[in-house]
């Protein structure tokens, strides 16, 4: 049942990446490698933090404090992953939080940029 649920939620490209895996633990490990532990997945996690911070500024919040948080987060991303390039930023902007009607995945965008 869990495998059917996963298959109903992933793109055709992701299904191709999974190949003929038919054990839940193997599928889960492959998905983690593709989306969480990959460079692409790591960038998505890091950029999510930055964009959440950007969108979460409260009215009346001290602008100096907010900018300090943004700069610290940005520097942390560079320390952890290196300089961001436009392909990574565009891939992120094209695929994250744009709604269910977007069919491209971060993996597909990453492959296209390569």
PDB file of N, CA and C in Angstrom:
ATOM      1  N   UNK A   1       0.822  -1.188   0.000  1.00  0.00           N
ATOM      2  CA  UNK A   1       0.000   0.000   0.000  1.00  0.00           C
ATOM      3  C   UNK A   1       0.877   1.268   0.000  1.00  0.00           C
ATOM      4  N   UNK A   2       1.948   1.251   0.783  1.00  0.00           N
ATOM      5  CA  UNK A   2       2.829   2.413   0.849  1.00  0.00           C
ATOM      6  C   UNK A   2       3.513   2.653  -0.498  1.00  0.00           C
ATOM      7  N   UNK A   3       3.924   1.577  -1.166  1.00  0.00           N
ATOM      8  CA  UNK A   3       4.576   1.715  -2.469  1.00  0.00           C
ATOM      9  C   UNK A   3       3.610   2.313  -3.480  1.00  0.00           C
ATOM     10  N   UNK A   4       2.357   1.869  -3.469  1.00  0.00           N
ATOM     11  CA  UNK A   4       1.344   2.435  -4.372  1.00  0.00           C
ATOM     12  C   UNK A   4       1.122   3.913  -4.082  1.00  0.00           C
ATOM     13  N   UNK A   5       1.124   4.276  -2.797  1.00  0.00           N
ATOM     14  CA  UNK A   5       0.937   5.677  -2.427  1.00  0.00           C
ATOM     15  C   UNK A   5       2.105   6.531  -2.936  1.00  0.00           C
ATOM     16  N   UNK A   6       3.317   6.037  -2.779  1.00  0.00           N
ATOM     17  CA  UNK A   6       4.489   6.762  -3.284  1.00  0.00           C
ATOM     18  C   UNK A   6       4.398   6.919  -4.795  1.00  0.00           C
ATOM     19  N   UNK A   7       4.100   5.833  -5.496  1.00  0.00           N
ATOM     20  CA  UNK A   7       4.014   5.874  -6.963  1.00  0.00           C
ATOM     21  C   UNK A   7       2.940   6.827  -7.468  1.00  0.00           C
ATOM     22  N   UNK A   8       1.887   6.999  -6.703  1.00  0.00           N
ATOM     23  CA  UNK A   8       0.818   7.906  -7.139  1.00  0.00           C
ATOM     24  C   UNK A   8       1.207   9.374  -6.961  1.00  0.00           C
ATOM     25  N   UNK A   9       2.261   9.641  -6.187  1.00  0.00           N
ATOM     26  CA  UNK A   9       2.646  11.019  -5.867  1.00  0.00           C
ATOM     27  C   UNK A   9       3.897  11.504  -6.581  1.00  0.00           C
ATOM     28  N   UNK A  10       4.586  10.647  -7.296  1.00  0.00           N
ATOM     29  CA  UNK A  10       5.844  11.056  -7.911  1.00  0.00           C
ATOM     30  C   UNK A  10       5.688  11.179  -9.419  1.00  0.00           C
ATOM     31  N   UNK A  11       6.579  11.944 -10.014  1.00  0.00           N
ATOM     32  CA  UNK A  11       6.543  12.179 -11.459  1.00  0.00           C
ATOM     33  C   UNK A  11       7.032  10.942 -12.213  1.00  0.00           C
ATOM     34  N   UNK A  12       6.751  10.922 -13.511  1.00  0.00           N
ATOM     35  CA  UNK A  12       7.230   9.826 -14.359  1.00  0.00           C
ATOM     36  C   UNK A  12       8.750   9.764 -14.369  1.00  0.00           C
ATOM     37  N   UNK A  13       9.379  10.930 -14.362  1.00  0.00           N
ATOM     38  CA  UNK A  13      10.846  10.964 -14.334  1.00  0.00           C
ATOM     39  C   UNK A  13      11.378  10.314 -13.069  1.00  0.00           C
ATOM     40  N   UNK A  14      10.743  10.602 -11.955  1.00  0.00           N
ATOM     41  CA  UNK A  14      11.168  10.004 -10.689  1.00  0.00           C
ATOM     42  C   UNK A  14      10.945   8.495 -10.726  1.00  0.00           C
ATOM     43  N   UNK A  15       9.838   8.053 -11.316  1.00  0.00           N
ATOM     44  CA  UNK A  15       9.583   6.618 -11.442  1.00  0.00           C
ATOM     45  C   UNK A  15      10.682   5.957 -12.263  1.00  0.00           C
ATOM     46  N   UNK A  16      11.133   6.631 -13.315  1.00  0.00           N
ATOM     47  CA  UNK A  16      12.241   6.098 -14.112  1.00  0.00           C
ATOM     48  C   UNK A  16      13.503   5.986 -13.264  1.00  0.00           C
ATOM     49  N   UNK A  17      13.749   6.982 -12.414  1.00  0.00           N
ATOM     50  CA  UNK A  17      14.924   6.964 -11.545  1.00  0.00           C
ATOM     51  C   UNK A  17      14.879   5.784 -10.569  1.00  0.00           C
ATOM     52  N   UNK A  18      13.674   5.398 -10.154  1.00  0.00           N
ATOM     53  CA  UNK A  18      13.535   4.288  -9.215  1.00  0.00           C
ATOM     54  C   UNK A  18      13.728   2.942  -9.896  1.00  0.00           C
ATOM     55  N   UNK A  19      13.514   2.910 -11.210  1.00  0.00           N
ATOM     56  CA  UNK A  19      13.703   1.673 -11.958  1.00  0.00           C
ATOM     57  C   UNK A  19      12.783   0.569 -11.477  1.00  0.00           C
ATOM     58  N   UNK A  20      13.345  -0.594 -11.269  1.00  0.00           N
ATOM     59  CA  UNK A  20      12.532  -1.762 -10.904  1.00  0.00           C
ATOM     60  C   UNK A  20      12.540  -2.053  -9.409  1.00  0.00           C
ATOM     61  N   UNK A  21      12.885  -1.081  -8.608  1.00  0.00           N
ATOM     62  CA  UNK A  21      12.876  -1.291  -7.157  1.00  0.00           C
ATOM     63  C   UNK A  21      11.466  -1.645  -6.704  1.00  0.00           C
ATOM     64  N   UNK A  22      11.360  -2.686  -5.888  1.00  0.00           N
ATOM     65  CA  UNK A  22      10.026  -3.099  -5.457  1.00  0.00           C
ATOM     66  C   UNK A  22       9.913  -3.323  -3.952  1.00  0.00           C
ATOM     67  N   UNK A  23      10.973  -2.995  -3.207  1.00  0.00           N
ATOM     68  CA  UNK A  23      10.914  -3.077  -1.756  1.00  0.00           C
ATOM     69  C   UNK A  23      10.843  -1.664  -1.193  1.00  0.00           C
ATOM     70  N   UNK A  24       9.985  -1.470  -0.228  1.00  0.00           N
ATOM     71  CA  UNK A  24       9.753  -0.139   0.327  1.00  0.00           C
ATOM     72  C   UNK A  24      11.046   0.502   0.831  1.00  0.00           C
ATOM     73  N   UNK A  25      11.866  -0.239   1.548  1.00  0.00           N
ATOM     74  CA  UNK A  25      13.098   0.361   2.083  1.00  0.00           C
ATOM     75  C   UNK A  25      14.037   0.780   0.955  1.00  0.00           C
ATOM     76  N   UNK A  26      14.124  -0.004  -0.112  1.00  0.00           N
ATOM     77  CA  UNK A  26      14.979   0.356  -1.254  1.00  0.00           C
ATOM     78  C   UNK A  26      14.460   1.614  -1.945  1.00  0.00           C
ATOM     79  N   UNK A  27      13.146   1.682  -2.113  1.00  0.00           N
ATOM     80  CA  UNK A  27      12.534   2.856  -2.744  1.00  0.00           C
ATOM     81  C   UNK A  27      12.790   4.090  -1.896  1.00  0.00           C
ATOM     82  N   UNK A  28      12.579   3.975  -0.605  1.00  0.00           N
ATOM     83  CA  UNK A  28      12.769   5.113   0.298  1.00  0.00           C
ATOM     84  C   UNK A  28      14.218   5.582   0.288  1.00  0.00           C
ATOM     85  N   UNK A  29      15.162   4.662   0.331  1.00  0.00           N
ATOM     86  CA  UNK A  29      16.576   5.029   0.303  1.00  0.00           C
ATOM     87  C   UNK A  29      16.945   5.738  -1.006  1.00  0.00           C
ATOM     88  N   UNK A  30      16.412   5.246  -2.125  1.00  0.00           N
ATOM     89  CA  UNK A  30      16.691   5.875  -3.427  1.00  0.00           C
ATOM     90  C   UNK A  30      16.101   7.281  -3.482  1.00  0.00           C
ATOM     91  N   UNK A  31      14.872   7.448  -2.974  1.00  0.00           N
ATOM     92  CA  UNK A  31      14.248   8.777  -2.951  1.00  0.00           C
ATOM     93  C   UNK A  31      15.063   9.735  -2.083  1.00  0.00           C
ATOM     94  N   UNK A  32      15.558   9.265  -0.948  1.00  0.00           N
ATOM     95  CA  UNK A  32      16.397  10.114  -0.096  1.00  0.00           C
ATOM     96  C   UNK A  32      17.656  10.544  -0.842  1.00  0.00           C
ATOM     97  N   UNK A  33      18.256   9.614  -1.571  1.00  0.00           N
ATOM     98  CA  UNK A  33      19.458   9.945  -2.333  1.00  0.00           C
ATOM     99  C   UNK A  33      19.155  10.971  -3.410  1.00  0.00           C
ATOM    100  N   UNK A  34      18.024  10.787  -4.110  1.00  0.00           N
ATOM    101  CA  UNK A  34      17.663  11.686  -5.207  1.00  0.00           C
ATOM    102  C   UNK A  34      17.286  13.081  -4.737  1.00  0.00           C
ATOM    103  N   UNK A  35      16.545  13.170  -3.641  1.00  0.00           N
ATOM    104  CA  UNK A  35      15.948  14.447  -3.274  1.00  0.00           C
ATOM    105  C   UNK A  35      16.480  15.075  -2.002  1.00  0.00           C
ATOM    106  N   UNK A  36      17.047  14.310  -1.122  1.00  0.00           N
ATOM    107  CA  UNK A  36      17.487  14.869   0.148  1.00  0.00           C
ATOM    108  C   UNK A  36      19.001  14.954   0.213  1.00  0.00           C
ATOM    109  N   UNK A  37      19.669  13.867  -0.142  1.00  0.00           N
ATOM    110  CA  UNK A  37      21.115  13.828   0.015  1.00  0.00           C
ATOM    111  C   UNK A  37      21.853  14.317  -1.223  1.00  0.00           C
ATOM    112  N   UNK A  38      21.143  14.537  -2.315  1.00  0.00           N
ATOM    113  CA  UNK A  38      21.798  15.019  -3.523  1.00  0.00           C
ATOM    114  C   UNK A  38      22.157  16.492  -3.374  1.00  0.00           C
ATOM    115  N   UNK A  39      23.047  16.958  -4.223  1.00  0.00           N
ATOM    116  CA  UNK A  39      23.386  18.373  -4.221  1.00  0.00           C
ATOM    117  C   UNK A  39      22.136  19.201  -4.455  1.00  0.00           C
ATOM    118  N   UNK A  40      21.307  18.754  -5.382  1.00  0.00           N
ATOM    119  CA  UNK A  40      20.075  19.475  -5.696  1.00  0.00           C
ATOM    120  C   UNK A  40      19.166  19.532  -4.471  1.00  0.00           C
ATOM    121  N   UNK A  41      18.982  18.396  -3.813  1.00  0.00           N
ATOM    122  CA  UNK A  41      18.132  18.362  -2.626  1.00  0.00           C
ATOM    123  C   UNK A  41      18.676  19.233  -1.512  1.00  0.00           C
ATOM    124  N   UNK A  42      19.992  19.262  -1.366  1.00  0.00           N
ATOM    125  CA  UNK A  42      20.612  20.092  -0.339  1.00  0.00           C
ATOM    126  C   UNK A  42      20.387  21.567  -0.635  1.00  0.00           C
ATOM    127  N   UNK A  43      20.555  21.964  -1.910  1.00  0.00           N
ATOM    128  CA  UNK A  43      20.302  23.359  -2.279  1.00  0.00           C
ATOM    129  C   UNK A  43      18.851  23.731  -2.000  1.00  0.00           C
ATOM    130  N   UNK A  44      17.920  22.828  -2.310  1.00  0.00           N
ATOM    131  CA  UNK A  44      16.501  23.125  -2.066  1.00  0.00           C
ATOM    132  C   UNK A  44      16.269  23.365  -0.581  1.00  0.00           C
ATOM    133  N   UNK A  45      16.817  22.516   0.263  1.00  0.00           N
ATOM    134  CA  UNK A  45      16.646  22.701   1.706  1.00  0.00           C
ATOM    135  C   UNK A  45      17.212  24.036   2.165  1.00  0.00           C
ATOM    136  N   UNK A  46      18.425  24.347   1.718  1.00  0.00           N
ATOM    137  CA  UNK A  46      19.071  25.592   2.137  1.00  0.00           C
ATOM    138  C   UNK A  46      18.311  26.814   1.625  1.00  0.00           C
ATOM    139  N   UNK A  47      17.898  26.781   0.362  1.00  0.00           N
ATOM    140  CA  UNK A  47      17.179  27.926  -0.201  1.00  0.00           C
ATOM    141  C   UNK A  47      15.794  28.074   0.418  1.00  0.00           C
ATOM    142  N   UNK A  48      15.159  26.958   0.801  1.00  0.00           N
ATOM    143  CA  UNK A  48      13.875  27.042   1.507  1.00  0.00           C
ATOM    144  C   UNK A  48      14.019  27.857   2.783  1.00  0.00           C
ATOM    145  N   UNK A  49      15.101  27.627   3.511  1.00  0.00           N
ATOM    146  CA  UNK A  49      15.348  28.376   4.750  1.00  0.00           C
ATOM    147  C   UNK A  49      15.460  29.868   4.450  1.00  0.00           C
ATOM    148  N   UNK A  50      16.237  30.196   3.419  1.00  0.00           N
ATOM    149  CA  UNK A  50      16.446  31.601   3.079  1.00  0.00           C
ATOM    150  C   UNK A  50      15.144  32.273   2.631  1.00  0.00           C
ATOM    151  N   UNK A  51      14.386  31.612   1.757  1.00  0.00           N
ATOM    152  CA  UNK A  51      13.159  32.220   1.253  1.00  0.00           C
ATOM    153  C   UNK A  51      12.064  32.276   2.317  1.00  0.00           C
ATOM    154  N   UNK A  52      12.061  31.309   3.231  1.00  0.00           N
ATOM    155  CA  UNK A  52      11.110  31.359   4.346  1.00  0.00           C
ATOM    156  C   UNK A  52      11.419  32.561   5.234  1.00  0.00           C
ATOM    157  N   UNK A  53      12.692  32.783   5.477  1.00  0.00           N
ATOM    158  CA  UNK A  53      13.107  33.934   6.268  1.00  0.00           C
ATOM    159  C   UNK A  53      12.731  35.229   5.554  1.00  0.00           C
ATOM    160  N   UNK A  54      12.974  35.274   4.246  1.00  0.00           N
ATOM    161  CA  UNK A  54      12.636  36.465   3.463  1.00  0.00           C
ATOM    162  C   UNK A  54      11.141  36.771   3.528  1.00  0.00           C
ATOM    163  N   UNK A  55      10.333  35.738   3.374  1.00  0.00           N
ATOM    164  CA  UNK A  55       8.879  35.929   3.379  1.00  0.00           C
ATOM    165  C   UNK A  55       8.277  36.070   4.762  1.00  0.00           C
ATOM    166  N   UNK A  56       9.074  35.810   5.784  1.00  0.00           N
ATOM    167  CA  UNK A  56       8.540  35.825   7.139  1.00  0.00           C
ATOM    168  C   UNK A  56       8.822  37.087   7.924  1.00  0.00           C
ATOM    169  N   UNK A  57       9.294  38.124   7.256  1.00  0.00           N
ATOM    170  CA  UNK A  57       9.585  39.368   7.980  1.00  0.00           C
ATOM    171  C   UNK A  57       8.289  39.977   8.481  1.00  0.00           C
ATOM    172  N   UNK A  58       8.261  40.261   9.745  1.00  0.00           N
ATOM    173  CA  UNK A  58       7.053  40.797  10.374  1.00  0.00           C
ATOM    174  C   UNK A  58       7.054  42.321  10.345  1.00  0.00           C
ATOM    175  N   UNK A  59       5.873  42.885  10.220  1.00  0.00           N
ATOM    176  CA  UNK A  59       5.727  44.330  10.286  1.00  0.00           C
ATOM    177  C   UNK A  59       6.227  44.813  11.641  1.00  0.00           C
ATOM    178  N   UNK A  60       7.064  45.818  11.612  1.00  0.00           N
ATOM    179  CA  UNK A  60       7.607  46.367  12.852  1.00  0.00           C
ATOM    180  C   UNK A  60       8.872  45.681  13.327  1.00  0.00           C
ATOM    181  N   UNK A  61       9.253  44.575  12.673  1.00  0.00           N
ATOM    182  CA  UNK A  61      10.490  43.901  13.062  1.00  0.00           C
ATOM    183  C   UNK A  61      11.675  44.816  12.751  1.00  0.00           C
ATOM    184  N   UNK A  62      12.631  44.820  13.628  1.00  0.00           N
ATOM    185  CA  UNK A  62      13.817  45.645  13.448  1.00  0.00           C
ATOM    186  C   UNK A  62      14.501  45.267  12.133  1.00  0.00           C
ATOM    187  N   UNK A  63      14.593  46.207  11.178  1.00  0.00           N
ATOM    188  CA  UNK A  63      15.184  45.879   9.882  1.00  0.00           C
ATOM    189  C   UNK A  63      16.647  45.449   9.985  1.00  0.00           C
ATOM    190  N   UNK A  64      17.393  46.027  10.917  1.00  0.00           N
ATOM    191  CA  UNK A  64      18.792  45.639  11.081  1.00  0.00           C
ATOM    192  C   UNK A  64      18.900  44.183  11.530  1.00  0.00           C
ATOM    193  N   UNK A  65      18.034  43.793  12.449  1.00  0.00           N
ATOM    194  CA  UNK A  65      18.034  42.411  12.942  1.00  0.00           C
ATOM    195  C   UNK A  65      17.645  41.443  11.829  1.00  0.00           C
ATOM    196  N   UNK A  66      16.619  41.794  11.056  1.00  0.00           N
ATOM    197  CA  UNK A  66      16.168  40.952   9.946  1.00  0.00           C
ATOM    198  C   UNK A  66      17.273  40.817   8.891  1.00  0.00           C
ATOM    199  N   UNK A  67      17.928  41.917   8.541  1.00  0.00           N
ATOM    200  CA  UNK A  67      19.001  41.855   7.547  1.00  0.00           C
ATOM    201  C   UNK A  67      20.175  41.021   8.070  1.00  0.00           C
ATOM    202  N   UNK A  68      20.460  41.116   9.359  1.00  0.00           N
ATOM    203  CA  UNK A  68      21.521  40.303   9.947  1.00  0.00           C
ATOM    204  C   UNK A  68      21.202  38.814   9.788  1.00  0.00           C
ATOM    205  N   UNK A  69      19.944  38.438  10.036  1.00  0.00           N
ATOM    206  CA  UNK A  69      19.530  37.044   9.874  1.00  0.00           C
ATOM    207  C   UNK A  69      19.679  36.595   8.416  1.00  0.00           C
ATOM    208  N   UNK A  70      19.279  37.453   7.480  1.00  0.00           N
ATOM    209  CA  UNK A  70      19.382  37.117   6.055  1.00  0.00           C
ATOM    210  C   UNK A  70      20.845  36.926   5.653  1.00  0.00           C
ATOM    211  N   UNK A  71      21.695  37.847   6.062  1.00  0.00           N
ATOM    212  CA  UNK A  71      23.117  37.769   5.707  1.00  0.00           C
ATOM    213  C   UNK A  71      23.758  36.545   6.347  1.00  0.00           C
ATOM    214  N   UNK A  72      23.460  36.292   7.606  1.00  0.00           N
ATOM    215  CA  UNK A  72      24.014  35.125   8.290  1.00  0.00           C
ATOM    216  C   UNK A  72      23.574  33.836   7.603  1.00  0.00           C
ATOM    217  N   UNK A  73      22.296  33.752   7.232  1.00  0.00           N
ATOM    218  CA  UNK A  73      21.788  32.566   6.544  1.00  0.00           C
ATOM    219  C   UNK A  73      22.450  32.407   5.183  1.00  0.00           C
ATOM    220  N   UNK A  74      22.576  33.497   4.436  1.00  0.00           N
ATOM    221  CA  UNK A  74      23.230  33.447   3.134  1.00  0.00           C
ATOM    222  C   UNK A  74      24.683  33.018   3.240  1.00  0.00           C
ATOM    223  N   UNK A  75      25.386  33.542   4.203  1.00  0.00           N
ATOM    224  CA  UNK A  75      26.795  33.161   4.393  1.00  0.00           C
ATOM    225  C   UNK A  75      26.924  31.701   4.807  1.00  0.00           C
ATOM    226  N   UNK A  76      25.973  31.234   5.604  1.00  0.00           N
ATOM    227  CA  UNK A  76      25.973  29.835   6.006  1.00  0.00           C
ATOM    228  C   UNK A  76      25.779  28.919   4.804  1.00  0.00           C
ATOM    229  N   UNK A  77      24.907  29.318   3.886  1.00  0.00           N
ATOM    230  CA  UNK A  77      24.692  28.535   2.668  1.00  0.00           C
ATOM    231  C   UNK A  77      25.980  28.467   1.860  1.00  0.00           C
ATOM    232  N   UNK A  78      26.642  29.599   1.695  1.00  0.00           N
ATOM    233  CA  UNK A  78      27.902  29.628   0.945  1.00  0.00           C
ATOM    234  C   UNK A  78      28.951  28.762   1.639  1.00  0.00           C
ATOM    235  N   UNK A  79      29.029  28.837   2.964  1.00  0.00           N
ATOM    236  CA  UNK A  79      29.985  28.014   3.704  1.00  0.00           C
ATOM    237  C   UNK A  79      29.700  26.526   3.518  1.00  0.00           C
ATOM    238  N   UNK A  80      28.414  26.155   3.525  1.00  0.00           N
ATOM    239  CA  UNK A  80      28.042  24.747   3.425  1.00  0.00           C
ATOM    240  C   UNK A  80      28.106  24.201   1.999  1.00  0.00           C
ATOM    241  N   UNK A  81      27.745  25.032   1.007  1.00  0.00           N
ATOM    242  CA  UNK A  81      27.560  24.514  -0.354  1.00  0.00           C
ATOM    243  C   UNK A  81      28.381  25.223  -1.413  1.00  0.00           C
ATOM    244  N   UNK A  82      28.934  26.357  -1.107  1.00  0.00           N
ATOM    245  CA  UNK A  82      29.654  27.124  -2.116  1.00  0.00           C
ATOM    246  C   UNK A  82      28.750  28.192  -2.709  1.00  0.00           C
ATOM    247  N   UNK A  83      29.315  28.933  -3.652  1.00  0.00           N
ATOM    248  CA  UNK A  83      28.564  30.025  -4.287  1.00  0.00           C
ATOM    249  C   UNK A  83      27.402  29.477  -5.107  1.00  0.00           C
ATOM    250  N   UNK A  84      26.273  30.124  -5.022  1.00  0.00           N
ATOM    251  CA  UNK A  84      25.108  29.742  -5.814  1.00  0.00           C
ATOM    252  C   UNK A  84      25.308  30.238  -7.245  1.00  0.00           C
ATOM    253  N   UNK A  85      24.847  29.466  -8.207  1.00  0.00           N
ATOM    254  CA  UNK A  85      24.898  29.959  -9.583  1.00  0.00           C
ATOM    255  C   UNK A  85      23.473  30.127 -10.096  1.00  0.00           C
ATOM    256  N   UNK A  86      23.325  30.791 -11.209  1.00  0.00           N
ATOM    257  CA  UNK A  86      22.000  31.116 -11.721  1.00  0.00           C
ATOM    258  C   UNK A  86      21.192  29.868 -12.078  1.00  0.00           C
ATOM    259  N   UNK A  87      21.841  28.800 -12.555  1.00  0.00           N
ATOM    260  CA  UNK A  87      21.109  27.563 -12.876  1.00  0.00           C
ATOM    261  C   UNK A  87      20.428  26.994 -11.637  1.00  0.00           C
ATOM    262  N   UNK A  88      21.135  27.008 -10.518  1.00  0.00           N
ATOM    263  CA  UNK A  88      20.556  26.488  -9.284  1.00  0.00           C
ATOM    264  C   UNK A  88      19.401  27.369  -8.835  1.00  0.00           C
ATOM    265  N   UNK A  89      19.593  28.681  -8.855  1.00  0.00           N
ATOM    266  CA  UNK A  89      18.534  29.588  -8.432  1.00  0.00           C
ATOM    267  C   UNK A  89      17.317  29.478  -9.342  1.00  0.00           C
ATOM    268  N   UNK A  90      17.523  29.450 -10.639  1.00  0.00           N
ATOM    269  CA  UNK A  90      16.389  29.317 -11.568  1.00  0.00           C
ATOM    270  C   UNK A  90      15.677  27.984 -11.391  1.00  0.00           C
ATOM    271  N   UNK A  91      16.429  26.905 -11.235  1.00  0.00           N
ATOM    272  CA  UNK A  91      15.823  25.600 -10.995  1.00  0.00           C
ATOM    273  C   UNK A  91      14.959  25.615  -9.752  1.00  0.00           C
ATOM    274  N   UNK A  92      15.457  26.243  -8.709  1.00  0.00           N
ATOM    275  CA  UNK A  92      14.701  26.358  -7.464  1.00  0.00           C
ATOM    276  C   UNK A  92      13.424  27.173  -7.677  1.00  0.00           C
ATOM    277  N   UNK A  93      13.570  28.337  -8.289  1.00  0.00           N
ATOM    278  CA  UNK A  93      12.413  29.216  -8.490  1.00  0.00           C
ATOM    279  C   UNK A  93      11.368  28.588  -9.411  1.00  0.00           C
ATOM    280  N   UNK A  94      11.816  27.761 -10.362  1.00  0.00           N
ATOM    281  CA  UNK A  94      10.886  27.138 -11.303  1.00  0.00           C
ATOM    282  C   UNK A  94      10.143  25.948 -10.722  1.00  0.00           C
ATOM    283  N   UNK A  95      10.635  25.391  -9.618  1.00  0.00           N
ATOM    284  CA  UNK A  95      10.037  24.141  -9.164  1.00  0.00           C
ATOM    285  C   UNK A  95       9.501  24.131  -7.739  1.00  0.00           C
ATOM    286  N   UNK A  96       9.865  25.081  -6.920  1.00  0.00           N
ATOM    287  CA  UNK A  96       9.491  25.009  -5.513  1.00  0.00           C
ATOM    288  C   UNK A  96       8.308  25.917  -5.204  1.00  0.00           C
ATOM    289  N   UNK A  97       7.307  25.333  -4.578  1.00  0.00           N
ATOM    290  CA  UNK A  97       6.130  26.063  -4.088  1.00  0.00           C
ATOM    291  C   UNK A  97       5.349  26.798  -5.171  1.00  0.00           C
ATOM    292  N   UNK A  98       5.275  26.241  -6.368  1.00  0.00           N
ATOM    293  CA  UNK A  98       4.519  26.899  -7.434  1.00  0.00           C
ATOM    294  C   UNK A  98       3.180  26.228  -7.700  1.00  0.00           C
ATOM    295  N   UNK A  99       2.860  25.172  -6.978  1.00  0.00           N
ATOM    296  CA  UNK A  99       1.564  24.535  -7.117  1.00  0.00           C
ATOM    297  C   UNK A  99       1.641  23.186  -7.810  1.00  0.00           C
ATOM    298  N   UNK A 100       0.536  22.462  -7.719  1.00  0.00           N
ATOM    299  CA  UNK A 100       0.487  21.105  -8.240  1.00  0.00           C
ATOM    300  C   UNK A 100       0.480  21.043  -9.759  1.00  0.00           C
ATOM    301  N   UNK A 101       0.150  22.147 -10.426  1.00  0.00           N
ATOM    302  CA  UNK A 101       0.083  22.108 -11.885  1.00  0.00           C
ATOM    303  C   UNK A 101       1.453  22.132 -12.542  1.00  0.00           C
ATOM    304  N   UNK A 102       2.496  22.366 -11.759  1.00  0.00           N
ATOM    305  CA  UNK A 102       3.848  22.346 -12.307  1.00  0.00           C
ATOM    306  C   UNK A 102       4.329  20.904 -12.346  1.00  0.00           C
ATOM    307  N   UNK A 103       4.668  20.421 -13.530  1.00  0.00           N
ATOM    308  CA  UNK A 103       5.014  19.009 -13.649  1.00  0.00           C
ATOM    309  C   UNK A 103       6.499  18.732 -13.548  1.00  0.00           C
ATOM    310  N   UNK A 104       7.356  19.735 -13.763  1.00  0.00           N
ATOM    311  CA  UNK A 104       8.798  19.510 -13.664  1.00  0.00           C
ATOM    312  C   UNK A 104       9.189  19.318 -12.212  1.00  0.00           C
ATOM    313  N   UNK A 105      10.184  18.506 -11.985  1.00  0.00           N
ATOM    314  CA  UNK A 105      10.693  18.300 -10.627  1.00  0.00           C
ATOM    315  C   UNK A 105      12.079  18.919 -10.528  1.00  0.00           C
ATOM    316  N   UNK A 106      12.556  19.048  -9.311  1.00  0.00           N
ATOM    317  CA  UNK A 106      13.897  19.593  -9.140  1.00  0.00           C
ATOM    318  C   UNK A 106      14.930  18.693  -9.801  1.00  0.00           C
ATOM    319  N   UNK A 107      14.687  17.403  -9.807  1.00  0.00           N
ATOM    320  CA  UNK A 107      15.621  16.483 -10.475  1.00  0.00           C
ATOM    321  C   UNK A 107      15.654  16.751 -11.965  1.00  0.00           C
ATOM    322  N   UNK A 108      14.497  16.962 -12.595  1.00  0.00           N
ATOM    323  CA  UNK A 108      14.457  17.219 -14.029  1.00  0.00           C
ATOM    324  C   UNK A 108      15.180  18.521 -14.362  1.00  0.00           C
ATOM    325  N   UNK A 109      14.964  19.555 -13.601  1.00  0.00           N
ATOM    326  CA  UNK A 109      15.626  20.836 -13.846  1.00  0.00           C
ATOM    327  C   UNK A 109      17.133  20.680 -13.675  1.00  0.00           C
ATOM    328  N   UNK A 110      17.541  19.942 -12.650  1.00  0.00           N
ATOM    329  CA  UNK A 110      18.959  19.724 -12.419  1.00  0.00           C
ATOM    330  C   UNK A 110      19.587  19.003 -13.606  1.00  0.00           C
ATOM    331  N   UNK A 111      18.910  17.972 -14.114  1.00  0.00           N
ATOM    332  CA  UNK A 111      19.433  17.230 -15.276  1.00  0.00           C
ATOM    333  C   UNK A 111      19.508  18.133 -16.499  1.00  0.00           C
ATOM    334  N   UNK A 112      18.496  18.967 -16.710  1.00  0.00           N
ATOM    335  CA  UNK A 112      18.480  19.841 -17.885  1.00  0.00           C
ATOM    336  C   UNK A 112      19.644  20.822 -17.817  1.00  0.00           C
ATOM    337  N   UNK A 113      19.946  21.318 -16.650  1.00  0.00           N
ATOM    338  CA  UNK A 113      21.030  22.300 -16.555  1.00  0.00           C
ATOM    339  C   UNK A 113      22.391  21.640 -16.810  1.00  0.00           C
ATOM    340  N   UNK A 114      22.501  20.340 -16.558  1.00  0.00           N
ATOM    341  CA  UNK A 114      23.747  19.620 -16.819  1.00  0.00           C
ATOM    342  C   UNK A 114      23.877  19.368 -18.295  1.00  0.00           C
TER     343      UNK A 114
END
